[in-house]
Amino acid sequence: MFRARALLIFGVAALGAAPARAEPAPLDDACSHKGPGFVQVPGTSTCVKVAGRAVAQADAGPRGIRTRTGGAVSMDVRSDTEFGPVRGFVRLRVGQGDPRDR
C-alpha cells in the first residue's frame, strides 16, 4: 500500500514538473458569439464547449500519508433554432475534496 501511495505522489510530482502544452487548434468565428472556448460541430450550426479539471493532493504527517483526489468535466451545447436558442449543459463531479471547490 505504501509503495502505491509513493508512486502516486512521485507520479503527480513528475506531471507537475513538466506540463505538456498542446498548441490550440485554430478557431473560426462561427461560435465566437457563444463565448470563449466554443467550437462548431462540423456540418451543423451547433456549438460545443468541453471543459474539465482534475485535482490530486497528498499530505504526509505523523499519522501517515493521506490522499484526496477529484475531478469534474462539463459539456455545454448551444444551437440556434427557428424557435430561438437551445442550450444543454451537463457537469459530472467525482472524488473527495473540499465542498468549497465545487
N, C-alpha and C. Protein backbone atom coordinates (compact mmCIF):
# COMPACT_ATOMS: atom_id res chain seq x y z
N MET A 1 0.83 -1.19 0.00
CA MET A 1 0.00 0.00 0.00
C MET A 1 0.87 1.25 0.00
N PHE A 2 1.95 1.22 0.82
CA PHE A 2 2.84 2.38 0.89
C PHE A 2 3.48 2.66 -0.46
N ARG A 3 3.89 1.59 -1.17
CA ARG A 3 4.52 1.77 -2.48
C ARG A 3 3.56 2.42 -3.47
N ALA A 4 2.31 2.00 -3.43
CA ALA A 4 1.32 2.59 -4.35
C ALA A 4 1.16 4.07 -4.07
N ARG A 5 1.10 4.45 -2.81
CA ARG A 5 0.97 5.87 -2.47
C ARG A 5 2.20 6.65 -2.89
N ALA A 6 3.38 6.07 -2.67
CA ALA A 6 4.62 6.74 -3.06
C ALA A 6 4.66 6.94 -4.57
N LEU A 7 4.26 5.91 -5.32
CA LEU A 7 4.23 6.04 -6.78
C LEU A 7 3.25 7.12 -7.22
N LEU A 8 2.10 7.18 -6.54
CA LEU A 8 1.12 8.22 -6.86
C LEU A 8 1.70 9.60 -6.61
N ILE A 9 2.34 9.78 -5.48
CA ILE A 9 2.92 11.09 -5.14
C ILE A 9 4.00 11.49 -6.13
N PHE A 10 4.93 10.55 -6.42
CA PHE A 10 6.01 10.89 -7.34
C PHE A 10 5.50 11.05 -8.76
N GLY A 11 4.47 10.29 -9.13
CA GLY A 11 3.88 10.44 -10.46
C GLY A 11 3.22 11.79 -10.64
N VAL A 12 2.48 12.23 -9.62
CA VAL A 12 1.84 13.55 -9.68
C VAL A 12 2.89 14.64 -9.69
N ALA A 13 3.96 14.47 -8.89
CA ALA A 13 5.03 15.47 -8.88
C ALA A 13 5.71 15.56 -10.24
N ALA A 14 5.93 14.42 -10.89
CA ALA A 14 6.56 14.42 -12.21
C ALA A 14 5.66 15.10 -13.24
N LEU A 15 4.35 14.87 -13.15
CA LEU A 15 3.44 15.54 -14.07
C LEU A 15 3.45 17.04 -13.87
N GLY A 16 3.53 17.48 -12.62
CA GLY A 16 3.55 18.90 -12.33
C GLY A 16 4.86 19.57 -12.70
N ALA A 17 5.93 18.80 -12.75
CA ALA A 17 7.25 19.37 -13.04
C ALA A 17 7.40 19.75 -14.50
N ALA A 18 6.82 18.98 -15.39
CA ALA A 18 6.98 19.24 -16.82
C ALA A 18 5.62 19.17 -17.51
N PRO A 19 4.81 20.23 -17.38
CA PRO A 19 3.49 20.17 -18.01
C PRO A 19 3.59 20.18 -19.53
N ALA A 20 2.82 19.33 -20.15
CA ALA A 20 2.78 19.28 -21.61
C ALA A 20 1.70 20.24 -22.09
N ARG A 21 2.05 21.09 -23.00
CA ARG A 21 1.10 22.06 -23.55
C ARG A 21 0.91 21.79 -25.03
N ALA A 22 -0.32 21.52 -25.40
CA ALA A 22 -0.64 21.32 -26.80
C ALA A 22 -0.97 22.67 -27.42
N GLU A 23 -0.65 22.81 -28.66
CA GLU A 23 -1.00 24.03 -29.37
C GLU A 23 -2.50 24.04 -29.61
N PRO A 24 -3.17 25.14 -29.32
CA PRO A 24 -4.62 25.16 -29.53
C PRO A 24 -4.94 25.10 -31.02
N ALA A 25 -6.03 24.41 -31.32
CA ALA A 25 -6.49 24.32 -32.70
C ALA A 25 -6.99 25.68 -33.15
N PRO A 26 -6.78 26.04 -34.41
CA PRO A 26 -7.28 27.32 -34.88
C PRO A 26 -8.80 27.35 -34.81
N LEU A 27 -9.33 28.40 -34.23
CA LEU A 27 -10.78 28.52 -34.08
C LEU A 27 -11.33 29.48 -35.12
N ASP A 28 -12.47 29.11 -35.68
CA ASP A 28 -13.13 30.03 -36.59
C ASP A 28 -14.06 30.91 -35.76
N ASP A 29 -14.68 31.87 -36.40
CA ASP A 29 -15.53 32.82 -35.70
C ASP A 29 -16.99 32.38 -35.66
N ALA A 30 -17.30 31.16 -36.09
CA ALA A 30 -18.69 30.72 -36.17
C ALA A 30 -19.35 30.66 -34.80
N CYS A 31 -18.59 30.40 -33.75
CA CYS A 31 -19.16 30.28 -32.40
C CYS A 31 -18.64 31.34 -31.45
N SER A 32 -17.98 32.34 -31.95
CA SER A 32 -17.42 33.37 -31.06
C SER A 32 -18.51 34.13 -30.31
N HIS A 33 -19.70 34.21 -30.87
CA HIS A 33 -20.80 34.91 -30.19
C HIS A 33 -21.35 34.11 -29.00
N LYS A 34 -21.03 32.83 -28.89
CA LYS A 34 -21.48 32.00 -27.78
C LYS A 34 -20.60 32.16 -26.55
N GLY A 35 -19.36 32.58 -26.76
CA GLY A 35 -18.44 32.76 -25.66
C GLY A 35 -17.10 32.10 -25.95
N PRO A 36 -16.10 32.33 -25.10
CA PRO A 36 -14.78 31.75 -25.34
C PRO A 36 -14.80 30.23 -25.16
N GLY A 37 -14.08 29.52 -26.01
CA GLY A 37 -13.94 28.08 -25.89
C GLY A 37 -14.92 27.26 -26.69
N PHE A 38 -15.90 27.89 -27.32
CA PHE A 38 -16.88 27.14 -28.10
C PHE A 38 -16.35 26.87 -29.50
N VAL A 39 -16.61 25.67 -30.00
CA VAL A 39 -16.25 25.30 -31.37
C VAL A 39 -17.49 24.74 -32.05
N GLN A 40 -17.50 24.85 -33.36
CA GLN A 40 -18.66 24.42 -34.12
C GLN A 40 -18.55 22.94 -34.47
N VAL A 41 -19.67 22.22 -34.34
CA VAL A 41 -19.74 20.83 -34.77
C VAL A 41 -19.81 20.85 -36.30
N PRO A 42 -18.88 20.17 -36.98
CA PRO A 42 -18.86 20.23 -38.45
C PRO A 42 -20.19 19.82 -39.07
N GLY A 43 -20.62 20.61 -40.03
CA GLY A 43 -21.86 20.32 -40.76
C GLY A 43 -23.13 20.76 -40.07
N THR A 44 -23.01 21.43 -38.91
CA THR A 44 -24.20 21.89 -38.18
C THR A 44 -23.99 23.34 -37.73
N SER A 45 -25.02 23.91 -37.14
CA SER A 45 -24.89 25.23 -36.54
C SER A 45 -24.74 25.13 -35.02
N THR A 46 -24.46 23.93 -34.51
CA THR A 46 -24.33 23.68 -33.08
C THR A 46 -22.91 24.00 -32.61
N CYS A 47 -22.82 24.64 -31.45
CA CYS A 47 -21.54 24.98 -30.84
C CYS A 47 -21.38 24.20 -29.55
N VAL A 48 -20.17 23.68 -29.29
CA VAL A 48 -19.90 22.84 -28.13
C VAL A 48 -18.67 23.36 -27.39
N LYS A 49 -18.74 23.28 -26.07
CA LYS A 49 -17.59 23.60 -25.22
C LYS A 49 -17.44 22.48 -24.20
N VAL A 50 -16.26 21.87 -24.15
CA VAL A 50 -15.97 20.82 -23.18
C VAL A 50 -14.86 21.33 -22.28
N ALA A 51 -15.07 21.23 -20.98
CA ALA A 51 -14.07 21.71 -20.01
C ALA A 51 -13.93 20.67 -18.91
N GLY A 52 -12.82 20.71 -18.22
CA GLY A 52 -12.62 19.77 -17.13
C GLY A 52 -11.50 20.19 -16.22
N ARG A 53 -11.41 19.45 -15.10
CA ARG A 53 -10.36 19.73 -14.14
C ARG A 53 -10.13 18.46 -13.32
N ALA A 54 -8.89 18.23 -12.96
CA ALA A 54 -8.52 17.11 -12.10
C ALA A 54 -7.67 17.63 -10.96
N VAL A 55 -7.89 17.09 -9.76
CA VAL A 55 -7.18 17.54 -8.58
C VAL A 55 -6.66 16.32 -7.82
N ALA A 56 -5.40 16.38 -7.40
CA ALA A 56 -4.82 15.34 -6.56
C ALA A 56 -4.01 16.02 -5.47
N GLN A 57 -4.16 15.54 -4.24
CA GLN A 57 -3.45 16.13 -3.11
C GLN A 57 -2.97 15.00 -2.22
N ALA A 58 -1.75 15.11 -1.71
CA ALA A 58 -1.21 14.14 -0.76
C ALA A 58 -0.60 14.90 0.40
N ASP A 59 -0.97 14.51 1.61
CA ASP A 59 -0.42 15.11 2.83
C ASP A 59 0.30 14.03 3.62
N ALA A 60 1.53 14.31 4.03
CA ALA A 60 2.28 13.37 4.84
C ALA A 60 2.46 13.97 6.23
N GLY A 61 2.19 13.16 7.23
CA GLY A 61 2.32 13.62 8.60
C GLY A 61 2.62 12.47 9.52
N PRO A 62 2.58 12.72 10.81
CA PRO A 62 2.91 11.66 11.77
C PRO A 62 1.94 10.48 11.73
N ARG A 63 0.76 10.68 11.21
CA ARG A 63 -0.23 9.60 11.14
C ARG A 63 -0.25 8.91 9.78
N GLY A 64 0.72 9.21 8.95
CA GLY A 64 0.83 8.56 7.65
C GLY A 64 0.52 9.51 6.51
N ILE A 65 0.28 8.94 5.36
CA ILE A 65 0.01 9.72 4.16
C ILE A 65 -1.49 9.69 3.90
N ARG A 66 -2.04 10.86 3.64
CA ARG A 66 -3.46 11.00 3.33
C ARG A 66 -3.58 11.57 1.92
N THR A 67 -4.44 11.00 1.12
CA THR A 67 -4.60 11.49 -0.25
C THR A 67 -6.06 11.86 -0.50
N ARG A 68 -6.22 12.85 -1.36
CA ARG A 68 -7.55 13.26 -1.83
C ARG A 68 -7.46 13.45 -3.33
N THR A 69 -8.45 12.96 -4.02
CA THR A 69 -8.48 13.12 -5.47
C THR A 69 -9.88 13.53 -5.90
N GLY A 70 -9.97 14.14 -7.04
CA GLY A 70 -11.27 14.53 -7.55
C GLY A 70 -11.15 15.07 -8.96
N GLY A 71 -12.28 15.28 -9.56
CA GLY A 71 -12.29 15.82 -10.89
C GLY A 71 -13.69 16.22 -11.32
N ALA A 72 -13.74 16.97 -12.37
CA ALA A 72 -15.01 17.40 -12.94
C ALA A 72 -14.86 17.56 -14.44
N VAL A 73 -15.92 17.27 -15.15
CA VAL A 73 -15.96 17.50 -16.59
C VAL A 73 -17.33 18.09 -16.91
N SER A 74 -17.36 19.05 -17.81
CA SER A 74 -18.63 19.65 -18.20
C SER A 74 -18.70 19.79 -19.71
N MET A 75 -19.93 19.73 -20.21
CA MET A 75 -20.18 19.91 -21.64
C MET A 75 -21.34 20.89 -21.80
N ASP A 76 -21.11 21.92 -22.59
CA ASP A 76 -22.11 22.95 -22.85
C ASP A 76 -22.38 22.93 -24.36
N VAL A 77 -23.61 22.68 -24.75
CA VAL A 77 -24.00 22.61 -26.16
C VAL A 77 -25.04 23.67 -26.41
N ARG A 78 -24.81 24.49 -27.44
CA ARG A 78 -25.75 25.57 -27.77
C ARG A 78 -26.02 25.58 -29.27
N SER A 79 -27.27 25.86 -29.60
CA SER A 79 -27.66 25.90 -31.00
C SER A 79 -28.78 26.91 -31.19
N ASP A 80 -28.77 27.57 -32.30
CA ASP A 80 -29.85 28.49 -32.65
C ASP A 80 -30.85 27.74 -33.53
N THR A 81 -32.12 27.78 -33.15
CA THR A 81 -33.16 27.09 -33.90
C THR A 81 -34.19 28.11 -34.36
N GLU A 82 -35.16 27.65 -35.10
CA GLU A 82 -36.22 28.55 -35.57
C GLU A 82 -37.10 29.02 -34.41
N PHE A 83 -37.05 28.32 -33.28
CA PHE A 83 -37.82 28.70 -32.09
C PHE A 83 -37.01 29.54 -31.10
N GLY A 84 -35.75 29.76 -31.41
CA GLY A 84 -34.87 30.51 -30.52
C GLY A 84 -33.68 29.67 -30.09
N PRO A 85 -32.85 30.22 -29.21
CA PRO A 85 -31.66 29.47 -28.79
C PRO A 85 -32.03 28.29 -27.89
N VAL A 86 -31.28 27.20 -28.06
CA VAL A 86 -31.45 26.00 -27.24
C VAL A 86 -30.10 25.69 -26.62
N ARG A 87 -30.13 25.34 -25.31
CA ARG A 87 -28.88 25.06 -24.61
C ARG A 87 -29.02 23.78 -23.79
N GLY A 88 -27.97 22.97 -23.81
CA GLY A 88 -27.88 21.79 -22.96
C GLY A 88 -26.58 21.87 -22.19
N PHE A 89 -26.65 21.53 -20.90
CA PHE A 89 -25.45 21.62 -20.06
C PHE A 89 -25.41 20.43 -19.11
N VAL A 90 -24.25 19.77 -19.03
CA VAL A 90 -24.06 18.63 -18.14
C VAL A 90 -22.73 18.82 -17.42
N ARG A 91 -22.72 18.58 -16.09
CA ARG A 91 -21.48 18.62 -15.31
C ARG A 91 -21.44 17.39 -14.44
N LEU A 92 -20.33 16.66 -14.50
CA LEU A 92 -20.12 15.48 -13.68
C LEU A 92 -18.94 15.72 -12.75
N ARG A 93 -19.12 15.37 -11.47
CA ARG A 93 -18.04 15.51 -10.49
C ARG A 93 -17.83 14.18 -9.78
N VAL A 94 -16.59 13.86 -9.53
CA VAL A 94 -16.26 12.64 -8.79
C VAL A 94 -15.11 12.93 -7.83
N GLY A 95 -14.99 12.10 -6.80
CA GLY A 95 -13.84 12.19 -5.91
C GLY A 95 -14.17 12.77 -4.56
N GLN A 96 -13.12 13.01 -3.83
CA GLN A 96 -13.20 13.55 -2.49
C GLN A 96 -12.56 14.92 -2.50
N GLY A 97 -12.98 15.79 -1.63
CA GLY A 97 -12.35 17.10 -1.56
C GLY A 97 -13.17 18.07 -0.77
N ASP A 98 -12.72 19.27 -0.77
CA ASP A 98 -13.37 20.35 -0.05
C ASP A 98 -14.61 20.78 -0.82
N PRO A 99 -15.79 20.82 -0.19
CA PRO A 99 -17.01 21.23 -0.91
C PRO A 99 -16.92 22.63 -1.48
N ARG A 100 -16.04 23.48 -0.93
CA ARG A 100 -15.91 24.84 -1.46
C ARG A 100 -15.29 24.85 -2.85
N ASP A 101 -14.63 23.73 -3.26
CA ASP A 101 -14.01 23.65 -4.59
C ASP A 101 -15.05 23.38 -5.68
N ARG A 102 -16.28 23.16 -5.33
CA ARG A 102 -17.28 22.74 -6.31
C ARG A 102 -17.95 23.89 -6.96
